[in-house]
Protein backbone atom coordinates (compact mmCIF):
# COMPACT_ATOMS: atom_id res chain seq x y z
CA MET A 1 -7.57 -48.62 -77.37
CA VAL A 2 -4.92 -46.24 -78.69
CA ALA A 3 -6.28 -43.34 -80.67
CA GLY A 4 -4.44 -42.45 -83.83
CA PRO A 5 -4.22 -43.02 -87.57
CA PHE A 6 -3.55 -46.76 -87.32
CA ARG A 7 -6.25 -48.31 -89.47
CA LYS A 8 -4.27 -50.70 -91.67
CA ALA A 9 -0.91 -52.43 -91.74
CA ALA A 10 0.53 -49.82 -94.10
CA ASP A 11 0.07 -47.16 -91.38
CA LEU A 12 2.62 -48.89 -89.14
CA PRO A 13 6.41 -48.46 -89.31
CA GLU A 14 8.30 -51.18 -91.16
CA VAL A 15 11.51 -50.75 -89.16
CA ILE A 16 11.02 -50.88 -85.41
CA ALA A 17 13.13 -51.05 -82.27
CA VAL A 18 12.53 -54.24 -80.31
CA PHE A 19 12.82 -55.05 -76.62
CA PRO A 20 13.57 -58.79 -76.24
CA LEU A 21 12.15 -59.90 -72.90
CA ASP A 22 11.17 -63.50 -72.22
CA GLY A 23 7.98 -63.96 -70.23
CA ALA A 24 6.74 -60.42 -70.95
CA LEU A 25 3.79 -60.65 -73.33
CA LEU A 26 2.10 -57.74 -75.07
CA LEU A 27 -1.13 -58.31 -76.99
CA PRO A 28 -3.29 -55.95 -79.06
CA HIS A 29 -5.30 -53.54 -76.86
CA GLY A 30 -3.38 -54.80 -73.81
CA HIS A 31 -1.31 -52.66 -71.42
CA LEU A 32 2.17 -53.71 -70.34
CA PRO A 33 4.01 -51.75 -67.61
CA LEU A 34 7.80 -51.82 -67.90
CA ASN A 35 10.64 -50.69 -65.67
CA ILE A 36 13.50 -49.61 -67.96
CA PHE A 37 16.97 -49.29 -66.48
CA GLU A 38 19.59 -50.70 -68.89
CA PRO A 39 21.37 -47.87 -70.77
CA ARG A 40 20.66 -49.34 -74.22
CA TYR A 41 16.96 -49.53 -73.49
CA LEU A 42 16.88 -46.08 -71.91
CA ASN A 43 18.34 -44.95 -75.25
CA MET A 44 15.64 -46.91 -77.08
CA VAL A 45 12.87 -45.21 -75.09
CA ASP A 46 14.45 -41.78 -75.64
CA ASP A 47 14.45 -42.39 -79.40
CA ALA A 48 10.88 -43.72 -79.32
CA MET A 49 9.64 -40.70 -77.35
CA ALA A 50 11.29 -38.39 -79.88
CA GLY A 51 9.42 -40.16 -82.70
CA GLU A 52 6.19 -42.14 -82.90
CA ARG A 53 6.55 -43.62 -79.39
CA MET A 54 6.55 -47.18 -80.75
CA ILE A 55 8.50 -50.21 -79.53
CA GLY A 56 8.14 -53.88 -80.44
CA MET A 57 8.01 -56.46 -77.66
CA VAL A 58 9.41 -59.84 -78.61
CA GLN A 59 10.60 -62.97 -76.84
CA THR A 60 13.68 -64.99 -77.77
CA ARG A 61 14.11 -68.53 -79.10
CA PRO A 62 17.00 -71.00 -79.12
CA GLY A 63 19.91 -69.84 -81.21
CA GLY A 64 22.24 -66.89 -81.36
CA ASP A 65 24.52 -66.25 -78.42
CA ARG A 66 24.10 -65.22 -74.80
CA ASP A 67 24.42 -61.50 -75.48
CA ARG A 68 22.36 -61.62 -78.65
CA PRO A 69 19.84 -64.48 -78.56
CA ALA A 70 17.74 -65.26 -81.61
CA LEU A 71 14.41 -63.48 -81.70
CA ALA A 72 11.04 -65.22 -81.75
CA MET A 73 9.31 -64.95 -85.11
CA VAL A 74 6.22 -63.10 -83.81
CA GLY A 75 6.05 -60.10 -81.47
CA CYS A 76 3.70 -57.18 -80.84
CA LEU A 77 4.14 -53.50 -81.60
CA GLY A 78 3.20 -51.19 -78.76
CA ARG A 79 2.89 -47.46 -78.30
CA ILE A 80 4.15 -45.71 -75.17
CA THR A 81 1.00 -44.35 -73.54
CA SER A 82 2.47 -43.58 -70.10
CA PHE A 83 5.94 -42.31 -69.23
CA ALA A 84 7.62 -41.30 -65.96
CA GLU A 85 11.24 -40.88 -64.92
CA THR A 86 12.42 -41.84 -61.44
CA SER A 87 14.96 -39.99 -59.30
CA ASP A 88 17.56 -42.70 -60.00
CA GLY A 89 17.21 -42.41 -63.77
CA ARG A 90 14.88 -45.31 -64.55
CA TYR A 91 11.92 -44.98 -66.90
CA LEU A 92 8.51 -46.34 -65.92
CA ILE A 93 6.48 -46.74 -69.08
CA THR A 94 3.30 -48.44 -70.22
CA LEU A 95 3.07 -49.94 -73.69
CA THR A 96 -0.38 -50.33 -75.24
CA GLY A 97 -0.53 -53.08 -77.83
CA LEU A 98 -1.29 -52.07 -81.41
CA CYS A 99 -0.65 -55.00 -83.73
CA ARG A 100 1.35 -58.22 -83.83
CA PHE A 101 4.13 -58.54 -86.35
CA ALA A 102 6.28 -61.20 -87.97
CA VAL A 103 10.02 -60.61 -87.89
CA LYS A 104 11.11 -60.46 -91.54
CA GLU A 105 14.75 -59.80 -90.71
CA GLU A 106 16.93 -58.22 -88.08
CA LEU A 107 18.88 -55.17 -89.16
CA ALA A 108 22.62 -54.91 -88.75
CA GLN A 109 23.21 -53.28 -85.40
CA ARG A 110 24.13 -49.62 -85.67
CA LEU A 111 22.37 -48.54 -82.48
CA PRO A 112 22.77 -49.81 -78.89
CA TYR A 113 19.44 -51.65 -79.17
CA ARG A 114 18.11 -54.10 -81.75
CA GLN A 115 15.89 -53.30 -84.73
CA VAL A 116 13.89 -55.49 -87.08
CA ARG A 117 11.96 -55.18 -90.29
CA ALA A 118 8.38 -56.07 -89.34
CA ALA A 119 5.51 -57.51 -91.41
CA TYR A 120 1.99 -56.87 -90.12
CA ALA A 121 -0.22 -58.12 -92.97
CA ALA A 122 -1.09 -61.47 -91.36
CA PHE A 123 -2.26 -59.66 -88.21
CA GLU A 124 -4.05 -56.63 -89.68
CA ASP A 125 -7.28 -57.56 -87.87
CA ASP A 126 -5.49 -56.61 -84.62
CA LEU A 127 -6.08 -52.97 -85.61
CA LYS A 128 -9.85 -53.41 -85.47
CA PRO A 129 -11.79 -52.51 -82.29
CA PRO A 130 -11.93 -55.27 -79.64
CA ALA A 131 -14.03 -58.16 -80.91
CA ASP A 132 -16.79 -60.26 -79.39
CA ASP A 133 -16.14 -63.97 -78.91
CA ASP A 134 -19.40 -65.69 -79.76
CA GLY A 135 -18.09 -69.10 -78.68
CA PHE A 136 -16.96 -67.93 -75.25
CA ASP A 137 -18.10 -70.36 -72.53
CA ARG A 138 -17.50 -68.06 -69.56
CA VAL A 139 -18.60 -70.68 -67.02
CA ARG A 140 -16.01 -73.22 -68.18
CA PHE A 141 -13.40 -70.53 -68.54
CA LEU A 142 -13.88 -69.19 -65.00
CA ARG A 143 -13.98 -72.73 -63.59
CA ALA A 144 -10.59 -73.47 -65.13
CA LEU A 145 -9.25 -70.10 -64.01
CA LYS A 146 -10.41 -70.65 -60.42
CA ALA A 147 -8.77 -74.09 -60.19
CA TYR A 148 -5.56 -72.79 -61.79
CA LEU A 149 -5.31 -69.83 -59.42
CA GLU A 150 -6.08 -71.91 -56.33
CA ARG A 151 -3.30 -74.37 -57.22
CA ARG A 152 -0.85 -71.49 -57.57
CA MET A 153 -2.18 -69.50 -54.59
CA LEU A 154 -3.07 -66.52 -56.77
CA ASP A 155 -6.19 -64.40 -57.04
CA VAL A 156 -7.95 -62.01 -59.42
CA ASP A 157 -10.75 -59.48 -59.22
CA TRP A 158 -13.61 -61.95 -59.67
CA GLU A 159 -16.28 -59.30 -60.21
CA ALA A 160 -14.26 -57.91 -63.09
CA ALA A 161 -13.63 -61.41 -64.46
CA LYS A 162 -17.36 -62.15 -64.48
CA SER A 163 -18.25 -59.01 -66.41
CA ALA A 164 -15.21 -58.10 -68.53
CA PRO A 165 -15.53 -58.34 -72.32
CA ALA A 166 -14.14 -61.62 -73.62
CA GLU A 167 -11.14 -60.13 -75.46
CA ALA A 168 -10.07 -57.96 -72.53
CA LEU A 169 -10.36 -60.89 -70.12
CA VAL A 170 -8.56 -63.44 -72.31
CA ASN A 171 -5.75 -61.10 -73.34
CA SER A 172 -5.15 -59.66 -69.88
CA LEU A 173 -4.88 -63.16 -68.38
CA ALA A 174 -2.67 -64.38 -71.22
CA MET A 175 -0.33 -61.48 -70.45
CA ALA A 176 -0.46 -61.73 -66.66
CA LEU A 177 -0.52 -65.44 -65.75
CA PRO A 178 2.88 -67.05 -65.03
CA PHE A 179 3.19 -69.31 -68.04
CA ASP A 180 6.55 -70.42 -69.44
CA PRO A 181 7.98 -68.29 -72.28
CA SER A 182 7.20 -71.02 -74.84
CA GLU A 183 3.59 -71.07 -73.64
CA LYS A 184 3.43 -67.28 -73.82
CA GLN A 185 4.70 -67.50 -77.38
CA ALA A 186 1.96 -69.96 -78.28
CA LEU A 187 -0.60 -67.47 -76.96
CA ILE A 188 0.71 -64.55 -79.01
CA GLU A 189 0.89 -66.70 -82.14
CA ALA A 190 -2.72 -67.91 -81.78
CA ARG A 191 -4.36 -66.58 -84.94
CA THR A 192 -7.74 -65.49 -83.53
CA LEU A 193 -9.22 -64.58 -80.18
CA ALA A 194 -11.08 -67.90 -80.15
CA ASP A 195 -7.80 -69.73 -80.78
CA ARG A 196 -6.10 -67.83 -77.96
CA ARG A 197 -8.97 -68.47 -75.58
CA ALA A 198 -8.89 -72.20 -76.37
CA ALA A 199 -5.10 -72.28 -75.89
CA LEU A 200 -5.38 -70.41 -72.59
CA VAL A 201 -8.00 -72.82 -71.24
CA ALA A 202 -5.89 -75.78 -72.38
CA LEU A 203 -2.78 -74.41 -70.64
CA MET A 204 -4.70 -73.87 -67.40
CA GLU A 205 -6.27 -77.33 -67.51
CA ILE A 206 -2.93 -79.01 -68.30
CA ASP A 207 -1.36 -77.17 -65.36
CA ILE A 208 -4.22 -78.23 -63.07
CA ALA A 209 -3.97 -81.88 -64.17
CA GLY A 210 -0.19 -81.90 -63.76
CA ARG A 211 -0.27 -80.43 -60.30
CA SER A 212 -3.06 -82.77 -59.23
CA GLY A 213 -0.89 -85.69 -60.31
CA GLU A 214 1.97 -84.39 -58.21
CA ASP A 215 -0.29 -84.39 -55.15
CA GLU A 216 -1.50 -87.97 -55.55
CA PRO A 217 -0.04 -90.53 -53.11
CA GLY A 218 2.42 -92.80 -54.82
CA SER A 219 2.91 -90.48 -57.81
CA LEU A 220 6.36 -90.40 -59.36
CA GLN A 221 8.63 -87.64 -58.19
């Protein structure tokens, strides 16, 4: 959890720089490593480091044009909690998630990177300490996770998965598993931890069922 005076939505900046990146999901209390190399985003990080070290992560949606796609309506504000510069001029940073936001409007572009006016009120609970998930069926969850990972020939630290707090486990998997951007967006827009956990299990089980169907003799190609 990021220390600092972020206790309510009013403590967060209304105008924020955003990094549109499909498939890259940041959630509250989560940690997202990023390799920054485009000049406009190097500029963005420079400006963030000179200020409150905050950047909004957001995916795109249909609309706009190739160089300026429309932004998804919900993203997550993060704070740079790790920064390193490589010998070839790239920045290696880690964003720690603070609070989700709704995009109220995009500002006219006067900087190399994009900025939006953000609204946090609907997601103010994100600023609270990590929550328990009383309805968490860890056995079912890990069963679905095991089948999903086996189908995709992936693995996780199972000892950590068996003991991690529910929010840390659900959010870290939502961020890390290779879901489609639209599925990632559904996970960030899930209102509560229980909603996100249910959506994550559903996505894994749908994937398992779909891949099992592909393996059946006589199935349609």
